[in-house]
């Protein structure tokens, strides 16, 4: 099992965000699906230990994440946030910055190719990128750490249908080529069907249903 969450609760500013949420996330491609404000993105932050729960346990490959060094965990588990947050400078500068955090010597061309960008983007300034290009540059930067798992927070929410399809194709090809696991947050159940093998539906901070995507969505959920 890749991740397990056991009766996890978390409040922010006195307001419950997660309420005794329990879920299993196997190796492969998992979607956390649910409406805005349901707690999906908070779960991603717990998986990468950008936050810790008030109660309950989060396990990564059977081990409590609180027993792992946070920096080492984040080298294995890369997070691509919903809103692009590139540094000033070129795309290559961003990739090299990330790689340096893990003492890697990045193959810039290969990383851009994996993220679906032409090698010419290496010298492109981050401020000159479209939203879709920024998302791909963020993906290349995350891959510079050579993670075994990618956490993706609504990676296509600001993209048009054509660009969304291209990014989805890139992610699926990437998972196959590198044999890495994906955990994707989405509010779009059609995207969950296209992108995942396992689905966890979250509502009001609780996991209300989970299982193979086809079985969950085949039960009449729309």
C-alpha atoms as a PDB file:
ATOM      1  CA  UNK A   1       0.000   0.000   0.000  1.00  0.00           C
ATOM      2  CA  UNK A   2       1.350   3.432  -0.944  1.00  0.00           C
ATOM      3  CA  UNK A   3      -0.532   5.618   1.578  1.00  0.00           C
ATOM      4  CA  UNK A   4      -2.963   4.859   4.373  1.00  0.00           C
ATOM      5  CA  UNK A   5      -4.918   7.416   6.367  1.00  0.00           C
ATOM      6  CA  UNK A   6      -6.389   6.118   9.610  1.00  0.00           C
ATOM      7  CA  UNK A   7      -9.094   8.236  11.320  1.00  0.00           C
ATOM      8  CA  UNK A   8      -7.370  11.484  10.372  1.00  0.00           C
ATOM      9  CA  UNK A   9      -8.823  14.745  11.673  1.00  0.00           C
ATOM     10  CA  UNK A  10      -7.577  18.295  11.177  1.00  0.00           C
ATOM     11  CA  UNK A  11      -9.017  21.708  11.967  1.00  0.00           C
ATOM     12  CA  UNK A  12      -7.996  25.124  10.706  1.00  0.00           C
ATOM     13  CA  UNK A  13      -8.822  28.277  12.651  1.00  0.00           C
ATOM     14  CA  UNK A  14     -11.147  26.196  14.801  1.00  0.00           C
ATOM     15  CA  UNK A  15     -13.087  24.848  11.828  1.00  0.00           C
ATOM     16  CA  UNK A  16     -12.965  21.106  11.042  1.00  0.00           C
ATOM     17  CA  UNK A  17     -11.432  20.379   7.631  1.00  0.00           C
ATOM     18  CA  UNK A  18     -10.980  16.601   7.887  1.00  0.00           C
ATOM     19  CA  UNK A  19     -13.193  14.469  10.134  1.00  0.00           C
ATOM     20  CA  UNK A  20     -11.828  11.020  11.045  1.00  0.00           C
ATOM     21  CA  UNK A  21     -11.024  10.361   7.403  1.00  0.00           C
ATOM     22  CA  UNK A  22      -9.800   6.851   6.642  1.00  0.00           C
ATOM     23  CA  UNK A  23      -8.604   5.868   3.181  1.00  0.00           C
ATOM     24  CA  UNK A  24      -6.223   3.556   1.359  1.00  0.00           C
ATOM     25  CA  UNK A  25      -4.225   4.744  -1.671  1.00  0.00           C
ATOM     26  CA  UNK A  26      -2.566   1.857  -3.531  1.00  0.00           C
ATOM     27  CA  UNK A  27       0.351   1.986  -5.927  1.00  0.00           C
ATOM     28  CA  UNK A  28      -0.649   3.190  -9.391  1.00  0.00           C
ATOM     29  CA  UNK A  29      -3.005   6.063 -10.200  1.00  0.00           C
ATOM     30  CA  UNK A  30      -5.437   7.283  -7.529  1.00  0.00           C
ATOM     31  CA  UNK A  31      -7.905  10.175  -7.662  1.00  0.00           C
ATOM     32  CA  UNK A  32      -9.195  12.071  -4.650  1.00  0.00           C
ATOM     33  CA  UNK A  33     -12.488  13.447  -5.920  1.00  0.00           C
ATOM     34  CA  UNK A  34     -15.063  15.718  -4.380  1.00  0.00           C
ATOM     35  CA  UNK A  35     -16.531  19.212  -4.376  1.00  0.00           C
ATOM     36  CA  UNK A  36     -14.566  22.360  -3.568  1.00  0.00           C
ATOM     37  CA  UNK A  37     -13.914  22.704   0.145  1.00  0.00           C
ATOM     38  CA  UNK A  38     -14.269  19.002   0.866  1.00  0.00           C
ATOM     39  CA  UNK A  39     -10.669  18.611   2.116  1.00  0.00           C
ATOM     40  CA  UNK A  40      -9.008  17.029  -0.925  1.00  0.00           C
ATOM     41  CA  UNK A  41      -6.067  19.434  -1.112  1.00  0.00           C
ATOM     42  CA  UNK A  42      -5.562  19.182   2.643  1.00  0.00           C
ATOM     43  CA  UNK A  43      -5.118  15.423   2.261  1.00  0.00           C
ATOM     44  CA  UNK A  44      -2.322  16.061  -0.278  1.00  0.00           C
ATOM     45  CA  UNK A  45      -0.581  18.361   2.196  1.00  0.00           C
ATOM     46  CA  UNK A  46      -0.705  15.619   4.815  1.00  0.00           C
ATOM     47  CA  UNK A  47       0.736  13.066   2.399  1.00  0.00           C
ATOM     48  CA  UNK A  48       3.727  15.354   1.714  1.00  0.00           C
ATOM     49  CA  UNK A  49       3.913  16.404   5.376  1.00  0.00           C
ATOM     50  CA  UNK A  50       3.373  20.064   4.709  1.00  0.00           C
ATOM     51  CA  UNK A  51       0.903  19.696   7.584  1.00  0.00           C
ATOM     52  CA  UNK A  52       0.321  17.109  10.292  1.00  0.00           C
ATOM     53  CA  UNK A  53      -3.106  15.907  11.480  1.00  0.00           C
ATOM     54  CA  UNK A  54      -4.544  16.868  14.842  1.00  0.00           C
ATOM     55  CA  UNK A  55      -5.309  13.185  15.382  1.00  0.00           C
ATOM     56  CA  UNK A  56      -5.031   9.949  13.442  1.00  0.00           C
ATOM     57  CA  UNK A  57      -2.168   8.529  11.413  1.00  0.00           C
ATOM     58  CA  UNK A  58      -0.853   8.957   7.886  1.00  0.00           C
ATOM     59  CA  UNK A  59       1.359   6.117   6.664  1.00  0.00           C
ATOM     60  CA  UNK A  60       3.624   6.009   3.616  1.00  0.00           C
ATOM     61  CA  UNK A  61       4.604   2.487   2.560  1.00  0.00           C
ATOM     62  CA  UNK A  62       3.578   1.274   6.005  1.00  0.00           C
ATOM     63  CA  UNK A  63       5.527   3.856   8.020  1.00  0.00           C
ATOM     64  CA  UNK A  64       4.086   6.816   9.929  1.00  0.00           C
ATOM     65  CA  UNK A  65       5.103   9.889   7.923  1.00  0.00           C
ATOM     66  CA  UNK A  66       5.971  11.671  11.194  1.00  0.00           C
ATOM     67  CA  UNK A  67       8.836   9.224  11.561  1.00  0.00           C
ATOM     68  CA  UNK A  68      10.266  10.199   8.178  1.00  0.00           C
ATOM     69  CA  UNK A  69      12.596  13.132   7.552  1.00  0.00           C
ATOM     70  CA  UNK A  70      10.342  15.679   5.787  1.00  0.00           C
ATOM     71  CA  UNK A  71      12.932  16.648   3.179  1.00  0.00           C
ATOM     72  CA  UNK A  72      13.706  13.035   2.320  1.00  0.00           C
ATOM     73  CA  UNK A  73       9.980  12.284   2.102  1.00  0.00           C
ATOM     74  CA  UNK A  74       9.481  15.187  -0.327  1.00  0.00           C
ATOM     75  CA  UNK A  75      12.271  13.880  -2.547  1.00  0.00           C
ATOM     76  CA  UNK A  76      10.333  10.633  -2.899  1.00  0.00           C
ATOM     77  CA  UNK A  77       6.895  12.257  -3.011  1.00  0.00           C
ATOM     78  CA  UNK A  78       6.749  15.303  -5.292  1.00  0.00           C
ATOM     79  CA  UNK A  79       3.907  17.815  -5.037  1.00  0.00           C
ATOM     80  CA  UNK A  80       2.663  19.884  -8.005  1.00  0.00           C
ATOM     81  CA  UNK A  81       0.325  22.556  -6.562  1.00  0.00           C
ATOM     82  CA  UNK A  82      -2.826  23.817  -8.195  1.00  0.00           C
ATOM     83  CA  UNK A  83      -1.456  27.314  -8.779  1.00  0.00           C
ATOM     84  CA  UNK A  84       1.915  27.463 -10.559  1.00  0.00           C
ATOM     85  CA  UNK A  85       4.618  28.947  -8.323  1.00  0.00           C
ATOM     86  CA  UNK A  86       7.697  29.242 -10.502  1.00  0.00           C
ATOM     87  CA  UNK A  87      10.743  31.198  -9.393  1.00  0.00           C
ATOM     88  CA  UNK A  88      11.973  34.213 -11.305  1.00  0.00           C
ATOM     89  CA  UNK A  89      14.370  33.262 -14.081  1.00  0.00           C
ATOM     90  CA  UNK A  90      14.233  30.646 -16.784  1.00  0.00           C
ATOM     91  CA  UNK A  91      12.591  27.247 -16.831  1.00  0.00           C
ATOM     92  CA  UNK A  92      16.072  25.719 -16.605  1.00  0.00           C
ATOM     93  CA  UNK A  93      16.813  27.834 -13.518  1.00  0.00           C
ATOM     94  CA  UNK A  94      13.702  26.421 -11.874  1.00  0.00           C
ATOM     95  CA  UNK A  95      14.619  22.836 -12.707  1.00  0.00           C
ATOM     96  CA  UNK A  96      18.192  23.232 -11.507  1.00  0.00           C
ATOM     97  CA  UNK A  97      17.018  24.820  -8.257  1.00  0.00           C
ATOM     98  CA  UNK A  98      14.806  21.814  -7.507  1.00  0.00           C
ATOM     99  CA  UNK A  99      17.484  19.320  -8.516  1.00  0.00           C
ATOM    100  CA  UNK A 100      19.984  21.041  -6.243  1.00  0.00           C
ATOM    101  CA  UNK A 101      17.719  20.409  -3.259  1.00  0.00           C
ATOM    102  CA  UNK A 102      18.330  16.700  -3.777  1.00  0.00           C
ATOM    103  CA  UNK A 103      21.922  16.922  -5.024  1.00  0.00           C
ATOM    104  CA  UNK A 104      20.841  15.842  -8.514  1.00  0.00           C
ATOM    105  CA  UNK A 105      22.471  16.761 -11.812  1.00  0.00           C
ATOM    106  CA  UNK A 106      19.406  17.180 -14.009  1.00  0.00           C
ATOM    107  CA  UNK A 107      19.139  16.229 -17.655  1.00  0.00           C
ATOM    108  CA  UNK A 108      17.202  19.347 -18.639  1.00  0.00           C
ATOM    109  CA  UNK A 109      16.212  18.125 -22.094  1.00  0.00           C
ATOM    110  CA  UNK A 110      14.896  14.811 -20.803  1.00  0.00           C
ATOM    111  CA  UNK A 111      12.900  16.443 -18.013  1.00  0.00           C
ATOM    112  CA  UNK A 112      11.308  18.896 -20.443  1.00  0.00           C
ATOM    113  CA  UNK A 113      10.464  16.034 -22.781  1.00  0.00           C
ATOM    114  CA  UNK A 114       8.865  14.064 -19.934  1.00  0.00           C
ATOM    115  CA  UNK A 115       6.766  17.108 -19.076  1.00  0.00           C
ATOM    116  CA  UNK A 116       5.710  17.584 -22.699  1.00  0.00           C
ATOM    117  CA  UNK A 117       7.810  20.681 -23.412  1.00  0.00           C
ATOM    118  CA  UNK A 118      10.181  21.357 -26.282  1.00  0.00           C
ATOM    119  CA  UNK A 119      13.889  21.718 -25.292  1.00  0.00           C
ATOM    120  CA  UNK A 120      13.752  25.372 -26.361  1.00  0.00           C
ATOM    121  CA  UNK A 121      11.700  26.086 -23.233  1.00  0.00           C
ATOM    122  CA  UNK A 122      14.839  25.701 -21.120  1.00  0.00           C
ATOM    123  CA  UNK A 123      15.793  29.310 -21.810  1.00  0.00           C
ATOM    124  CA  UNK A 124      12.252  30.680 -21.685  1.00  0.00           C
ATOM    125  CA  UNK A 125      11.579  33.077 -18.818  1.00  0.00           C
ATOM    126  CA  UNK A 126       9.008  31.776 -16.359  1.00  0.00           C
ATOM    127  CA  UNK A 127       7.030  35.024 -16.674  1.00  0.00           C
ATOM    128  CA  UNK A 128       6.609  34.431 -20.418  1.00  0.00           C
ATOM    129  CA  UNK A 129       4.803  31.089 -20.093  1.00  0.00           C
ATOM    130  CA  UNK A 130       1.117  30.435 -20.586  1.00  0.00           C
ATOM    131  CA  UNK A 131      -0.774  28.798 -17.722  1.00  0.00           C
ATOM    132  CA  UNK A 132      -0.519  25.420 -19.432  1.00  0.00           C
ATOM    133  CA  UNK A 133       3.206  25.863 -19.988  1.00  0.00           C
ATOM    134  CA  UNK A 134       3.652  26.887 -16.367  1.00  0.00           C
ATOM    135  CA  UNK A 135       1.948  23.684 -15.249  1.00  0.00           C
ATOM    136  CA  UNK A 136       4.286  21.631 -17.415  1.00  0.00           C
ATOM    137  CA  UNK A 137       7.320  23.551 -16.137  1.00  0.00           C
ATOM    138  CA  UNK A 138       6.157  22.817 -12.581  1.00  0.00           C
ATOM    139  CA  UNK A 139       5.908  19.153 -13.519  1.00  0.00           C
ATOM    140  CA  UNK A 140       9.452  19.163 -14.971  1.00  0.00           C
ATOM    141  CA  UNK A 141      10.694  20.828 -11.783  1.00  0.00           C
ATOM    142  CA  UNK A 142       9.031  18.166  -9.617  1.00  0.00           C
ATOM    143  CA  UNK A 143      10.529  15.400 -11.762  1.00  0.00           C
ATOM    144  CA  UNK A 144      14.014  16.813 -11.179  1.00  0.00           C
ATOM    145  CA  UNK A 145      13.843  15.261  -7.695  1.00  0.00           C
ATOM    146  CA  UNK A 146      13.358  11.817  -9.295  1.00  0.00           C
ATOM    147  CA  UNK A 147      10.286  11.043  -7.145  1.00  0.00           C
ATOM    148  CA  UNK A 148       8.557   7.684  -6.981  1.00  0.00           C
ATOM    149  CA  UNK A 149       5.180   9.365  -6.431  1.00  0.00           C
ATOM    150  CA  UNK A 150       3.617  12.576  -7.762  1.00  0.00           C
ATOM    151  CA  UNK A 151       0.865  14.436  -5.927  1.00  0.00           C
ATOM    152  CA  UNK A 152      -1.113  16.615  -8.343  1.00  0.00           C
ATOM    153  CA  UNK A 153      -3.574  19.216  -7.070  1.00  0.00           C
ATOM    154  CA  UNK A 154      -6.161  20.008  -9.772  1.00  0.00           C
ATOM    155  CA  UNK A 155      -3.421  20.196 -12.444  1.00  0.00           C
ATOM    156  CA  UNK A 156      -5.837  21.111 -15.250  1.00  0.00           C
ATOM    157  CA  UNK A 157      -8.342  23.338 -13.427  1.00  0.00           C
ATOM    158  CA  UNK A 158      -7.267  26.538 -15.241  1.00  0.00           C
ATOM    159  CA  UNK A 159      -6.801  24.951 -18.672  1.00  0.00           C
ATOM    160  CA  UNK A 160      -9.019  24.720 -21.733  1.00  0.00           C
ATOM    161  CA  UNK A 161     -10.287  21.357 -22.977  1.00  0.00           C
ATOM    162  CA  UNK A 162      -7.553  20.848 -25.567  1.00  0.00           C
ATOM    163  CA  UNK A 163      -4.733  21.671 -23.148  1.00  0.00           C
ATOM    164  CA  UNK A 164      -6.371  19.560 -20.447  1.00  0.00           C
ATOM    165  CA  UNK A 165      -6.362  16.557 -22.766  1.00  0.00           C
ATOM    166  CA  UNK A 166      -2.711  17.109 -23.614  1.00  0.00           C
ATOM    167  CA  UNK A 167      -1.682  17.388 -19.955  1.00  0.00           C
ATOM    168  CA  UNK A 168      -3.660  14.275 -19.033  1.00  0.00           C
ATOM    169  CA  UNK A 169      -1.960  12.348 -21.828  1.00  0.00           C
ATOM    170  CA  UNK A 170       1.443  13.576 -20.633  1.00  0.00           C
ATOM    171  CA  UNK A 171       0.746  12.443 -17.075  1.00  0.00           C
ATOM    172  CA  UNK A 172      -0.417   8.977 -18.107  1.00  0.00           C
ATOM    173  CA  UNK A 173       2.589   8.515 -20.394  1.00  0.00           C
ATOM    174  CA  UNK A 174       4.859   9.754 -17.628  1.00  0.00           C
ATOM    175  CA  UNK A 175       3.474   7.264 -15.116  1.00  0.00           C
ATOM    176  CA  UNK A 176       4.039   4.439 -17.575  1.00  0.00           C
ATOM    177  CA  UNK A 177       7.520   5.489 -18.689  1.00  0.00           C
ATOM    178  CA  UNK A 178       8.878   6.132 -15.203  1.00  0.00           C
ATOM    179  CA  UNK A 179       6.715   3.598 -13.326  1.00  0.00           C
ATOM    180  CA  UNK A 180       5.701   6.191 -10.760  1.00  0.00           C
ATOM    181  CA  UNK A 181       2.464   6.458  -8.819  1.00  0.00           C
ATOM    182  CA  UNK A 182       0.078   9.397  -9.227  1.00  0.00           C
ATOM    183  CA  UNK A 183      -2.306  10.844  -6.635  1.00  0.00           C
ATOM    184  CA  UNK A 184      -4.543  13.343  -8.406  1.00  0.00           C
ATOM    185  CA  UNK A 185      -7.003  15.746  -6.787  1.00  0.00           C
ATOM    186  CA  UNK A 186      -9.967  16.615  -8.991  1.00  0.00           C
ATOM    187  CA  UNK A 187     -13.588  17.724  -8.743  1.00  0.00           C
ATOM    188  CA  UNK A 188     -14.263  16.252 -12.208  1.00  0.00           C
ATOM    189  CA  UNK A 189     -15.484  12.646 -12.080  1.00  0.00           C
ATOM    190  CA  UNK A 190     -14.996  12.273 -15.836  1.00  0.00           C
ATOM    191  CA  UNK A 191     -11.352  13.149 -15.331  1.00  0.00           C
ATOM    192  CA  UNK A 192     -11.170  10.678 -12.454  1.00  0.00           C
ATOM    193  CA  UNK A 193     -12.489   7.990 -14.781  1.00  0.00           C
ATOM    194  CA  UNK A 194      -9.864   8.814 -17.418  1.00  0.00           C
ATOM    195  CA  UNK A 195      -6.933   9.221 -15.064  1.00  0.00           C
ATOM    196  CA  UNK A 196      -7.229   6.714 -12.237  1.00  0.00           C
ATOM    197  CA  UNK A 197      -7.485   3.079 -11.287  1.00  0.00           C
ATOM    198  CA  UNK A 198      -8.567   3.767  -7.700  1.00  0.00           C
ATOM    199  CA  UNK A 199     -10.953   6.469  -6.497  1.00  0.00           C
ATOM    200  CA  UNK A 200     -11.554   8.011  -3.076  1.00  0.00           C
ATOM    201  CA  UNK A 201     -14.620  10.266  -2.895  1.00  0.00           C
ATOM    202  CA  UNK A 202     -14.369  12.930  -0.188  1.00  0.00           C
ATOM    203  CA  UNK A 203     -17.259  15.008   1.117  1.00  0.00           C
ATOM    204  CA  UNK A 204     -17.212  17.416   4.072  1.00  0.00           C
ATOM    205  CA  UNK A 205     -13.850  16.086   5.233  1.00  0.00           C
ATOM    206  CA  UNK A 206     -14.798  12.408   5.185  1.00  0.00           C
ATOM    207  CA  UNK A 207     -14.042   9.582   2.767  1.00  0.00           C
ATOM    208  CA  UNK A 208     -17.535   8.497   1.771  1.00  0.00           C
ATOM    209  CA  UNK A 209     -16.602   5.888  -0.835  1.00  0.00           C
ATOM    210  CA  UNK A 210     -13.459   4.256  -2.205  1.00  0.00           C
ATOM    211  CA  UNK A 211     -12.523   1.432  -4.515  1.00  0.00           C
ATOM    212  CA  UNK A 212     -11.620   0.674  -8.123  1.00  0.00           C
ATOM    213  CA  UNK A 213     -12.651   3.690 -10.186  1.00  0.00           C
ATOM    214  CA  UNK A 214     -14.817   1.722 -12.584  1.00  0.00           C
ATOM    215  CA  UNK A 215     -16.747   0.123  -9.735  1.00  0.00           C
ATOM    216  CA  UNK A 216     -17.288   3.393  -7.834  1.00  0.00           C
ATOM    217  CA  UNK A 217     -18.372   5.379 -10.881  1.00  0.00           C
ATOM    218  CA  UNK A 218     -20.290   2.449 -12.260  1.00  0.00           C
ATOM    219  CA  UNK A 219     -22.546   2.606  -9.224  1.00  0.00           C
ATOM    220  CA  UNK A 220     -24.419   5.535 -10.673  1.00  0.00           C
ATOM    221  CA  UNK A 221     -22.273   8.367  -9.306  1.00  0.00           C
ATOM    222  CA  UNK A 222     -22.291  11.367 -11.648  1.00  0.00           C
END
